């Protein structure tokens, strides 16, 4: 009986120990699974934060670039005068800055076109002067080679007399045909006089008459 009691006691102790060990084992958390879930959740949160920070930085850079662009336009465009904020002057809006920039660019295009036209005109003048220079050089060279060639040329006084005789004849007909009562009547009379007294045959007869008259005076 004593041996039976001892075996029963040992069996009870072992049973209780197994029960306690099972309970303790079931109460211990599964650290491997929880660590995995924690790290995965932390990674998700970290990825979202990184994307949020990247988006915020990109948006800040975009706004800074736009602001710098408008500041540069205000500094470059003369019509976008800097405002004195110390006395409460209103800041130029972006729409006004853009409109003033467009107006200034259009003004520059017009000025460029005007300058190009002026350059083209100057180039034509330079070309004409070069041609005149070449002609005068040829005249001087020819005169140097033949110094007696110009002795029989018509003098400037004779040319003026021919011109004066032609103009006197034309003025006589002009004065007789033109009425100065009103500007409208004057305009009409001028055109009528040109059509009547400035025909090629009429001018030819006037020039011939003037030349005959001067010839008779010379000889």
C-alpha atoms as a PDB file:
ATOM      1  CA  UNK A   1       0.000   0.000   0.000  1.00  0.00           C
ATOM      2  CA  UNK A   2       2.815   2.421   0.730  1.00  0.00           C
ATOM      3  CA  UNK A   3       4.318   1.762  -2.732  1.00  0.00           C
ATOM      4  CA  UNK A   4       0.926   2.326  -4.358  1.00  0.00           C
ATOM      5  CA  UNK A   5       0.473   5.636  -2.586  1.00  0.00           C
ATOM      6  CA  UNK A   6       3.950   6.787  -3.637  1.00  0.00           C
ATOM      7  CA  UNK A   7       3.292   5.934  -7.296  1.00  0.00           C
ATOM      8  CA  UNK A   8      -0.055   7.704  -7.228  1.00  0.00           C
ATOM      9  CA  UNK A   9       1.550  10.806  -5.737  1.00  0.00           C
ATOM     10  CA  UNK A  10       4.264  10.863  -8.436  1.00  0.00           C
ATOM     11  CA  UNK A  11       1.663  10.400 -11.165  1.00  0.00           C
ATOM     12  CA  UNK A  12      -0.351  13.319  -9.783  1.00  0.00           C
ATOM     13  CA  UNK A  13       2.740  15.531  -9.702  1.00  0.00           C
ATOM     14  CA  UNK A  14       3.657  14.643 -13.288  1.00  0.00           C
ATOM     15  CA  UNK A  15       0.085  15.249 -14.452  1.00  0.00           C
ATOM     16  CA  UNK A  16      -0.028  18.644 -12.797  1.00  0.00           C
ATOM     17  CA  UNK A  17       3.386  19.533 -14.241  1.00  0.00           C
ATOM     18  CA  UNK A  18       2.241  18.615 -17.741  1.00  0.00           C
ATOM     19  CA  UNK A  19      -0.925  20.664 -17.276  1.00  0.00           C
ATOM     20  CA  UNK A  20       1.058  23.686 -16.088  1.00  0.00           C
ATOM     21  CA  UNK A  21       3.545  23.325 -18.958  1.00  0.00           C
ATOM     22  CA  UNK A  22       0.747  23.079 -21.509  1.00  0.00           C
ATOM     23  CA  UNK A  23      -0.963  26.150 -20.110  1.00  0.00           C
ATOM     24  CA  UNK A  24       2.257  28.125 -20.025  1.00  0.00           C
ATOM     25  CA  UNK A  25       3.139  27.086 -23.559  1.00  0.00           C
ATOM     26  CA  UNK A  26      -0.292  28.104 -24.838  1.00  0.00           C
ATOM     27  CA  UNK A  27      -0.051  31.490 -23.128  1.00  0.00           C
ATOM     28  CA  UNK A  28       3.324  32.365 -24.734  1.00  0.00           C
ATOM     29  CA  UNK A  29       2.757  34.493 -27.906  1.00  0.00           C
ATOM     30  CA  UNK A  30       4.042  33.466 -31.358  1.00  0.00           C
ATOM     31  CA  UNK A  31       6.803  36.061 -31.602  1.00  0.00           C
ATOM     32  CA  UNK A  32       7.938  35.008 -35.089  1.00  0.00           C
ATOM     33  CA  UNK A  33       4.537  35.746 -36.725  1.00  0.00           C
ATOM     34  CA  UNK A  34       4.054  38.993 -34.832  1.00  0.00           C
ATOM     35  CA  UNK A  35       7.513  40.251 -35.735  1.00  0.00           C
ATOM     36  CA  UNK A  36       6.808  39.525 -39.396  1.00  0.00           C
ATOM     37  CA  UNK A  37       3.470  41.399 -39.322  1.00  0.00           C
ATOM     38  CA  UNK A  38       5.083  44.315 -37.480  1.00  0.00           C
ATOM     39  CA  UNK A  39       7.907  44.651 -39.962  1.00  0.00           C
ATOM     40  CA  UNK A  40       5.492  44.436 -42.920  1.00  0.00           C
ATOM     41  CA  UNK A  41       3.239  47.105 -41.453  1.00  0.00           C
ATOM     42  CA  UNK A  42       6.225  49.310 -40.675  1.00  0.00           C
ATOM     43  CA  UNK A  43       7.455  48.909 -44.253  1.00  0.00           C
ATOM     44  CA  UNK A  44       4.049  49.918 -45.621  1.00  0.00           C
ATOM     45  CA  UNK A  45       3.944  53.000 -43.418  1.00  0.00           C
ATOM     46  CA  UNK A  46       7.507  53.901 -44.334  1.00  0.00           C
ATOM     47  CA  UNK A  47       6.777  53.541 -48.083  1.00  0.00           C
ATOM     48  CA  UNK A  48       3.704  55.779 -47.795  1.00  0.00           C
ATOM     49  CA  UNK A  49       5.703  58.370 -45.880  1.00  0.00           C
ATOM     50  CA  UNK A  50       8.437  58.290 -48.489  1.00  0.00           C
ATOM     51  CA  UNK A  51       5.957  58.786 -51.325  1.00  0.00           C
ATOM     52  CA  UNK A  52       4.264  61.577 -49.403  1.00  0.00           C
ATOM     53  CA  UNK A  53       7.558  63.311 -48.749  1.00  0.00           C
ATOM     54  CA  UNK A  54       8.636  62.890 -52.396  1.00  0.00           C
ATOM     55  CA  UNK A  55       5.333  64.322 -53.615  1.00  0.00           C
ATOM     56  CA  UNK A  56       5.591  67.231 -51.178  1.00  0.00           C
ATOM     57  CA  UNK A  57       9.146  68.002 -52.279  1.00  0.00           C
ATOM     58  CA  UNK A  58       8.200  67.817 -55.979  1.00  0.00           C
ATOM     59  CA  UNK A  59       5.244  70.126 -55.420  1.00  0.00           C
ATOM     60  CA  UNK A  60       7.435  72.573 -53.487  1.00  0.00           C
ATOM     61  CA  UNK A  61      10.028  72.563 -56.273  1.00  0.00           C
ATOM     62  CA  UNK A  62       7.307  73.168 -58.864  1.00  0.00           C
ATOM     63  CA  UNK A  63       5.896  76.117 -56.949  1.00  0.00           C
ATOM     64  CA  UNK A  64       9.355  77.542 -56.331  1.00  0.00           C
ATOM     65  CA  UNK A  65      10.146  77.254 -60.056  1.00  0.00           C
ATOM     66  CA  UNK A  66       6.904  79.049 -60.983  1.00  0.00           C
ATOM     67  CA  UNK A  67       7.558  81.778 -58.417  1.00  0.00           C
ATOM     68  CA  UNK A  68      11.116  82.226 -59.685  1.00  0.00           C
ATOM     69  CA  UNK A  69       9.806  82.458 -63.253  1.00  0.00           C
ATOM     70  CA  UNK A  70       7.390  85.247 -62.359  1.00  0.00           C
ATOM     71  CA  UNK A  71      10.097  87.042 -60.361  1.00  0.00           C
ATOM     72  CA  UNK A  72      12.438  86.832 -63.364  1.00  0.00           C
ATOM     73  CA  UNK A  73       9.746  88.238 -65.651  1.00  0.00           C
ATOM     74  CA  UNK A  74       9.147  91.158 -63.310  1.00  0.00           C
ATOM     75  CA  UNK A  75      12.888  91.828 -63.247  1.00  0.00           C
ATOM     76  CA  UNK A  76      13.312  91.596 -67.047  1.00  0.00           C
ATOM     77  CA  UNK A  77      10.169  93.288 -68.381  1.00  0.00           C
ATOM     78  CA  UNK A  78      10.496  97.087 -67.976  1.00  0.00           C
ATOM     79  CA  UNK A  79       6.734  97.627 -67.691  1.00  0.00           C
ATOM     80  CA  UNK A  80       6.575  95.303 -64.671  1.00  0.00           C
ATOM     81  CA  UNK A  81       7.854  97.930 -62.283  1.00  0.00           C
ATOM     82  CA  UNK A  82       8.880  96.761 -58.861  1.00  0.00           C
ATOM     83  CA  UNK A  83       6.294  97.717 -56.297  1.00  0.00           C
ATOM     84  CA  UNK A  84       7.257  99.381 -53.018  1.00  0.00           C
ATOM     85  CA  UNK A  85       5.570  97.186 -50.446  1.00  0.00           C
ATOM     86  CA  UNK A  86       6.688  99.422 -47.606  1.00  0.00           C
ATOM     87  CA  UNK A  87       4.018 101.953 -48.529  1.00  0.00           C
ATOM     88  CA  UNK A  88       1.345  99.361 -49.195  1.00  0.00           C
ATOM     89  CA  UNK A  89       1.548  99.189 -52.995  1.00  0.00           C
ATOM     90  CA  UNK A  90      -0.376  96.177 -54.321  1.00  0.00           C
ATOM     91  CA  UNK A  91       1.624  93.278 -55.713  1.00  0.00           C
ATOM     92  CA  UNK A  92       1.264  92.569 -59.415  1.00  0.00           C
ATOM     93  CA  UNK A  93      -0.896  89.546 -60.040  1.00  0.00           C
ATOM     94  CA  UNK A  94       0.327  86.699 -62.213  1.00  0.00           C
ATOM     95  CA  UNK A  95      -2.216  87.576 -64.888  1.00  0.00           C
ATOM     96  CA  UNK A  96      -0.951  91.168 -65.074  1.00  0.00           C
ATOM     97  CA  UNK A  97       2.662  89.994 -65.225  1.00  0.00           C
ATOM     98  CA  UNK A  98       1.859  87.643 -68.093  1.00  0.00           C
ATOM     99  CA  UNK A  99      -0.111  90.309 -69.993  1.00  0.00           C
ATOM    100  CA  UNK A 100       2.643  92.885 -69.584  1.00  0.00           C
ATOM    101  CA  UNK A 101       5.179  90.306 -70.742  1.00  0.00           C
ATOM    102  CA  UNK A 102       3.104  89.547 -73.845  1.00  0.00           C
ATOM    103  CA  UNK A 103       2.755  93.267 -74.611  1.00  0.00           C
ATOM    104  CA  UNK A 104       6.493  93.787 -74.210  1.00  0.00           C
ATOM    105  CA  UNK A 105       7.313  90.838 -76.501  1.00  0.00           C
ATOM    106  CA  UNK A 106       4.957  92.226 -79.162  1.00  0.00           C
ATOM    107  CA  UNK A 107       6.638  95.619 -78.794  1.00  0.00           C
ATOM    108  CA  UNK A 108      10.065  94.007 -79.256  1.00  0.00           C
ATOM    109  CA  UNK A 109       8.836  92.217 -82.397  1.00  0.00           C
ATOM    110  CA  UNK A 110       7.647  95.525 -83.862  1.00  0.00           C
ATOM    111  CA  UNK A 111      10.923  97.235 -82.976  1.00  0.00           C
ATOM    112  CA  UNK A 112      12.869  94.371 -84.533  1.00  0.00           C
ATOM    113  CA  UNK A 113      10.847  94.616 -87.737  1.00  0.00           C
ATOM    114  CA  UNK A 114      11.347  98.388 -87.818  1.00  0.00           C
ATOM    115  CA  UNK A 115      15.092  98.011 -87.320  1.00  0.00           C
ATOM    116  CA  UNK A 116      15.268  95.370 -90.044  1.00  0.00           C
ATOM    117  CA  UNK A 117      13.532  97.767 -92.443  1.00  0.00           C
ATOM    118  CA  UNK A 118      15.945 100.549 -91.479  1.00  0.00           C
ATOM    119  CA  UNK A 119      18.910  98.226 -91.996  1.00  0.00           C
ATOM    120  CA  UNK A 120      17.545  97.246 -95.410  1.00  0.00           C
ATOM    121  CA  UNK A 121      17.173 100.922 -96.367  1.00  0.00           C
ATOM    122  CA  UNK A 122      20.698 101.698 -95.188  1.00  0.00           C
ATOM    123  CA  UNK A 123      22.064  98.790 -97.175  1.00  0.00           C
ATOM    124  CA  UNK A 124      20.389 100.145-100.298  1.00  0.00           C
ATOM    125  CA  UNK A 125      21.839 103.590 -99.594  1.00  0.00           C
ATOM    126  CA  UNK A 126      25.296 102.088 -99.129  1.00  0.00           C
ATOM    127  CA  UNK A 127      24.953 100.208-102.401  1.00  0.00           C
ATOM    128  CA  UNK A 128      23.866 103.394-104.201  1.00  0.00           C
ATOM    129  CA  UNK A 129      26.805 105.315-102.729  1.00  0.00           C
ATOM    130  CA  UNK A 130      29.187 102.589-103.829  1.00  0.00           C
ATOM    131  CA  UNK A 131      27.819 102.807-107.377  1.00  0.00           C
ATOM    132  CA  UNK A 132      28.133 106.601-107.332  1.00  0.00           C
ATOM    133  CA  UNK A 133      31.694 106.278-106.000  1.00  0.00           C
ATOM    134  CA  UNK A 134      32.626 103.919-108.830  1.00  0.00           C
ATOM    135  CA  UNK A 135      31.070 106.274-111.407  1.00  0.00           C
ATOM    136  CA  UNK A 136      32.895 109.318-110.029  1.00  0.00           C
ATOM    137  CA  UNK A 137      36.151 107.403-109.971  1.00  0.00           C
ATOM    138  CA  UNK A 138      35.646 106.505-113.609  1.00  0.00           C
ATOM    139  CA  UNK A 139      34.868 110.133-114.485  1.00  0.00           C
ATOM    140  CA  UNK A 140      37.978 111.380-112.671  1.00  0.00           C
ATOM    141  CA  UNK A 141      40.120 108.739-114.289  1.00  0.00           C
ATOM    142  CA  UNK A 142      38.775 109.595-117.748  1.00  0.00           C
ATOM    143  CA  UNK A 143      39.378 113.319-117.139  1.00  0.00           C
ATOM    144  CA  UNK A 144      42.933 112.630-116.012  1.00  0.00           C
ATOM    145  CA  UNK A 145      43.593 110.636-119.156  1.00  0.00           C
ATOM    146  CA  UNK A 146      42.039 113.357-121.410  1.00  0.00           C
ATOM    147  CA  UNK A 147      42.372 116.721-119.643  1.00  0.00           C
ATOM    148  CA  UNK A 148      41.131 118.685-122.741  1.00  0.00           C
ATOM    149  CA  UNK A 149      37.951 116.642-123.133  1.00  0.00           C
ATOM    150  CA  UNK A 150      35.691 118.888-121.036  1.00  0.00           C
ATOM    151  CA  UNK A 151      36.411 122.196-122.675  1.00  0.00           C
ATOM    152  CA  UNK A 152      33.411 122.053-125.027  1.00  0.00           C
ATOM    153  CA  UNK A 153      30.963 120.902-122.351  1.00  0.00           C
ATOM    154  CA  UNK A 154      27.901 123.025-121.532  1.00  0.00           C
ATOM    155  CA  UNK A 155      28.390 125.212-118.481  1.00  0.00           C
ATOM    156  CA  UNK A 156      26.196 125.108-115.389  1.00  0.00           C
ATOM    157  CA  UNK A 157      24.909 128.551-116.239  1.00  0.00           C
ATOM    158  CA  UNK A 158      23.708 127.356-119.646  1.00  0.00           C
ATOM    159  CA  UNK A 159      21.963 124.375-118.056  1.00  0.00           C
ATOM    160  CA  UNK A 160      20.243 126.681-115.594  1.00  0.00           C
ATOM    161  CA  UNK A 161      19.095 128.932-118.436  1.00  0.00           C
ATOM    162  CA  UNK A 162      17.579 125.973-120.262  1.00  0.00           C
ATOM    163  CA  UNK A 163      15.820 124.846-117.082  1.00  0.00           C
ATOM    164  CA  UNK A 164      14.606 128.388-116.365  1.00  0.00           C
ATOM    165  CA  UNK A 165      13.236 128.780-119.900  1.00  0.00           C
ATOM    166  CA  UNK A 166      11.293 125.490-119.632  1.00  0.00           C
ATOM    167  CA  UNK A 167       9.921 126.355-116.180  1.00  0.00           C
ATOM    168  CA  UNK A 168       8.933 129.884-117.283  1.00  0.00           C
ATOM    169  CA  UNK A 169       6.992 128.488-120.221  1.00  0.00           C
ATOM    170  CA  UNK A 170       5.255 125.914-118.030  1.00  0.00           C
ATOM    171  CA  UNK A 171       4.464 128.472-115.346  1.00  0.00           C
ATOM    172  CA  UNK A 172       2.762 130.738-117.852  1.00  0.00           C
ATOM    173  CA  UNK A 173       0.337 128.006-118.870  1.00  0.00           C
ATOM    174  CA  UNK A 174       0.006 126.881-115.213  1.00  0.00           C
ATOM    175  CA  UNK A 175      -0.808 130.385-113.992  1.00  0.00           C
ATOM    176  CA  UNK A 176      -3.356 130.870-116.765  1.00  0.00           C
ATOM    177  CA  UNK A 177      -5.107 127.536-116.123  1.00  0.00           C
ATOM    178  CA  UNK A 178      -5.099 127.182-112.323  1.00  0.00           C
ATOM    179  CA  UNK A 179      -7.743 128.620-110.022  1.00  0.00           C
ATOM    180  CA  UNK A 180      -6.993 129.042-106.321  1.00  0.00           C
ATOM    181  CA  UNK A 181     -10.526 129.788-105.114  1.00  0.00           C
ATOM    182  CA  UNK A 182     -10.595 126.567-103.058  1.00  0.00           C
ATOM    183  CA  UNK A 183      -8.364 123.595-102.485  1.00  0.00           C
ATOM    184  CA  UNK A 184     -10.825 121.291-104.224  1.00  0.00           C
ATOM    185  CA  UNK A 185     -10.869 123.515-107.313  1.00  0.00           C
ATOM    186  CA  UNK A 186      -7.063 123.833-107.191  1.00  0.00           C
ATOM    187  CA  UNK A 187      -6.678 120.043-107.151  1.00  0.00           C
ATOM    188  CA  UNK A 188      -9.014 119.631-110.092  1.00  0.00           C
ATOM    189  CA  UNK A 189      -7.230 122.355-112.071  1.00  0.00           C
ATOM    190  CA  UNK A 190      -3.786 120.858-111.427  1.00  0.00           C
ATOM    191  CA  UNK A 191      -4.783 117.490-112.844  1.00  0.00           C
ATOM    192  CA  UNK A 192      -6.428 119.138-115.820  1.00  0.00           C
ATOM    193  CA  UNK A 193      -3.313 121.250-116.446  1.00  0.00           C
ATOM    194  CA  UNK A 194      -1.033 118.201-116.289  1.00  0.00           C
ATOM    195  CA  UNK A 195      -3.172 116.291-118.778  1.00  0.00           C
ATOM    196  CA  UNK A 196      -3.353 119.272-121.121  1.00  0.00           C
ATOM    197  CA  UNK A 197       0.049 120.982-120.939  1.00  0.00           C
ATOM    198  CA  UNK A 198       2.415 118.203-119.834  1.00  0.00           C
ATOM    199  CA  UNK A 199       1.955 115.851-122.726  1.00  0.00           C
ATOM    200  CA  UNK A 200       5.214 114.506-124.201  1.00  0.00           C
ATOM    201  CA  UNK A 201       4.694 116.374-127.483  1.00  0.00           C
ATOM    202  CA  UNK A 202       3.909 119.631-125.672  1.00  0.00           C
ATOM    203  CA  UNK A 203       7.004 119.342-123.469  1.00  0.00           C
ATOM    204  CA  UNK A 204       9.116 118.500-126.514  1.00  0.00           C
ATOM    205  CA  UNK A 205       7.908 121.641-128.323  1.00  0.00           C
ATOM    206  CA  UNK A 206       8.656 123.772-125.234  1.00  0.00           C
ATOM    207  CA  UNK A 207      12.212 122.397-124.946  1.00  0.00           C
ATOM    208  CA  UNK A 208      12.887 122.909-128.652  1.00  0.00           C
ATOM    209  CA  UNK A 209      11.629 126.507-128.442  1.00  0.00           C
ATOM    210  CA  UNK A 210      13.829 127.261-125.428  1.00  0.00           C
ATOM    211  CA  UNK A 211      16.890 125.752-127.097  1.00  0.00           C
ATOM    212  CA  UNK A 212      16.329 127.763-130.294  1.00  0.00           C
ATOM    213  CA  UNK A 213      15.958 130.929-128.267  1.00  0.00           C
ATOM    214  CA  UNK A 214      19.190 130.337-126.341  1.00  0.00           C
ATOM    215  CA  UNK A 215      21.016 129.414-129.526  1.00  0.00           C
ATOM    216  CA  UNK A 216      20.023 132.674-131.153  1.00  0.00           C
ATOM    217  CA  UNK A 217      21.246 134.549-128.071  1.00  0.00           C
ATOM    218  CA  UNK A 218      24.634 132.803-128.179  1.00  0.00           C
ATOM    219  CA  UNK A 219      25.254 133.320-131.863  1.00  0.00           C
END
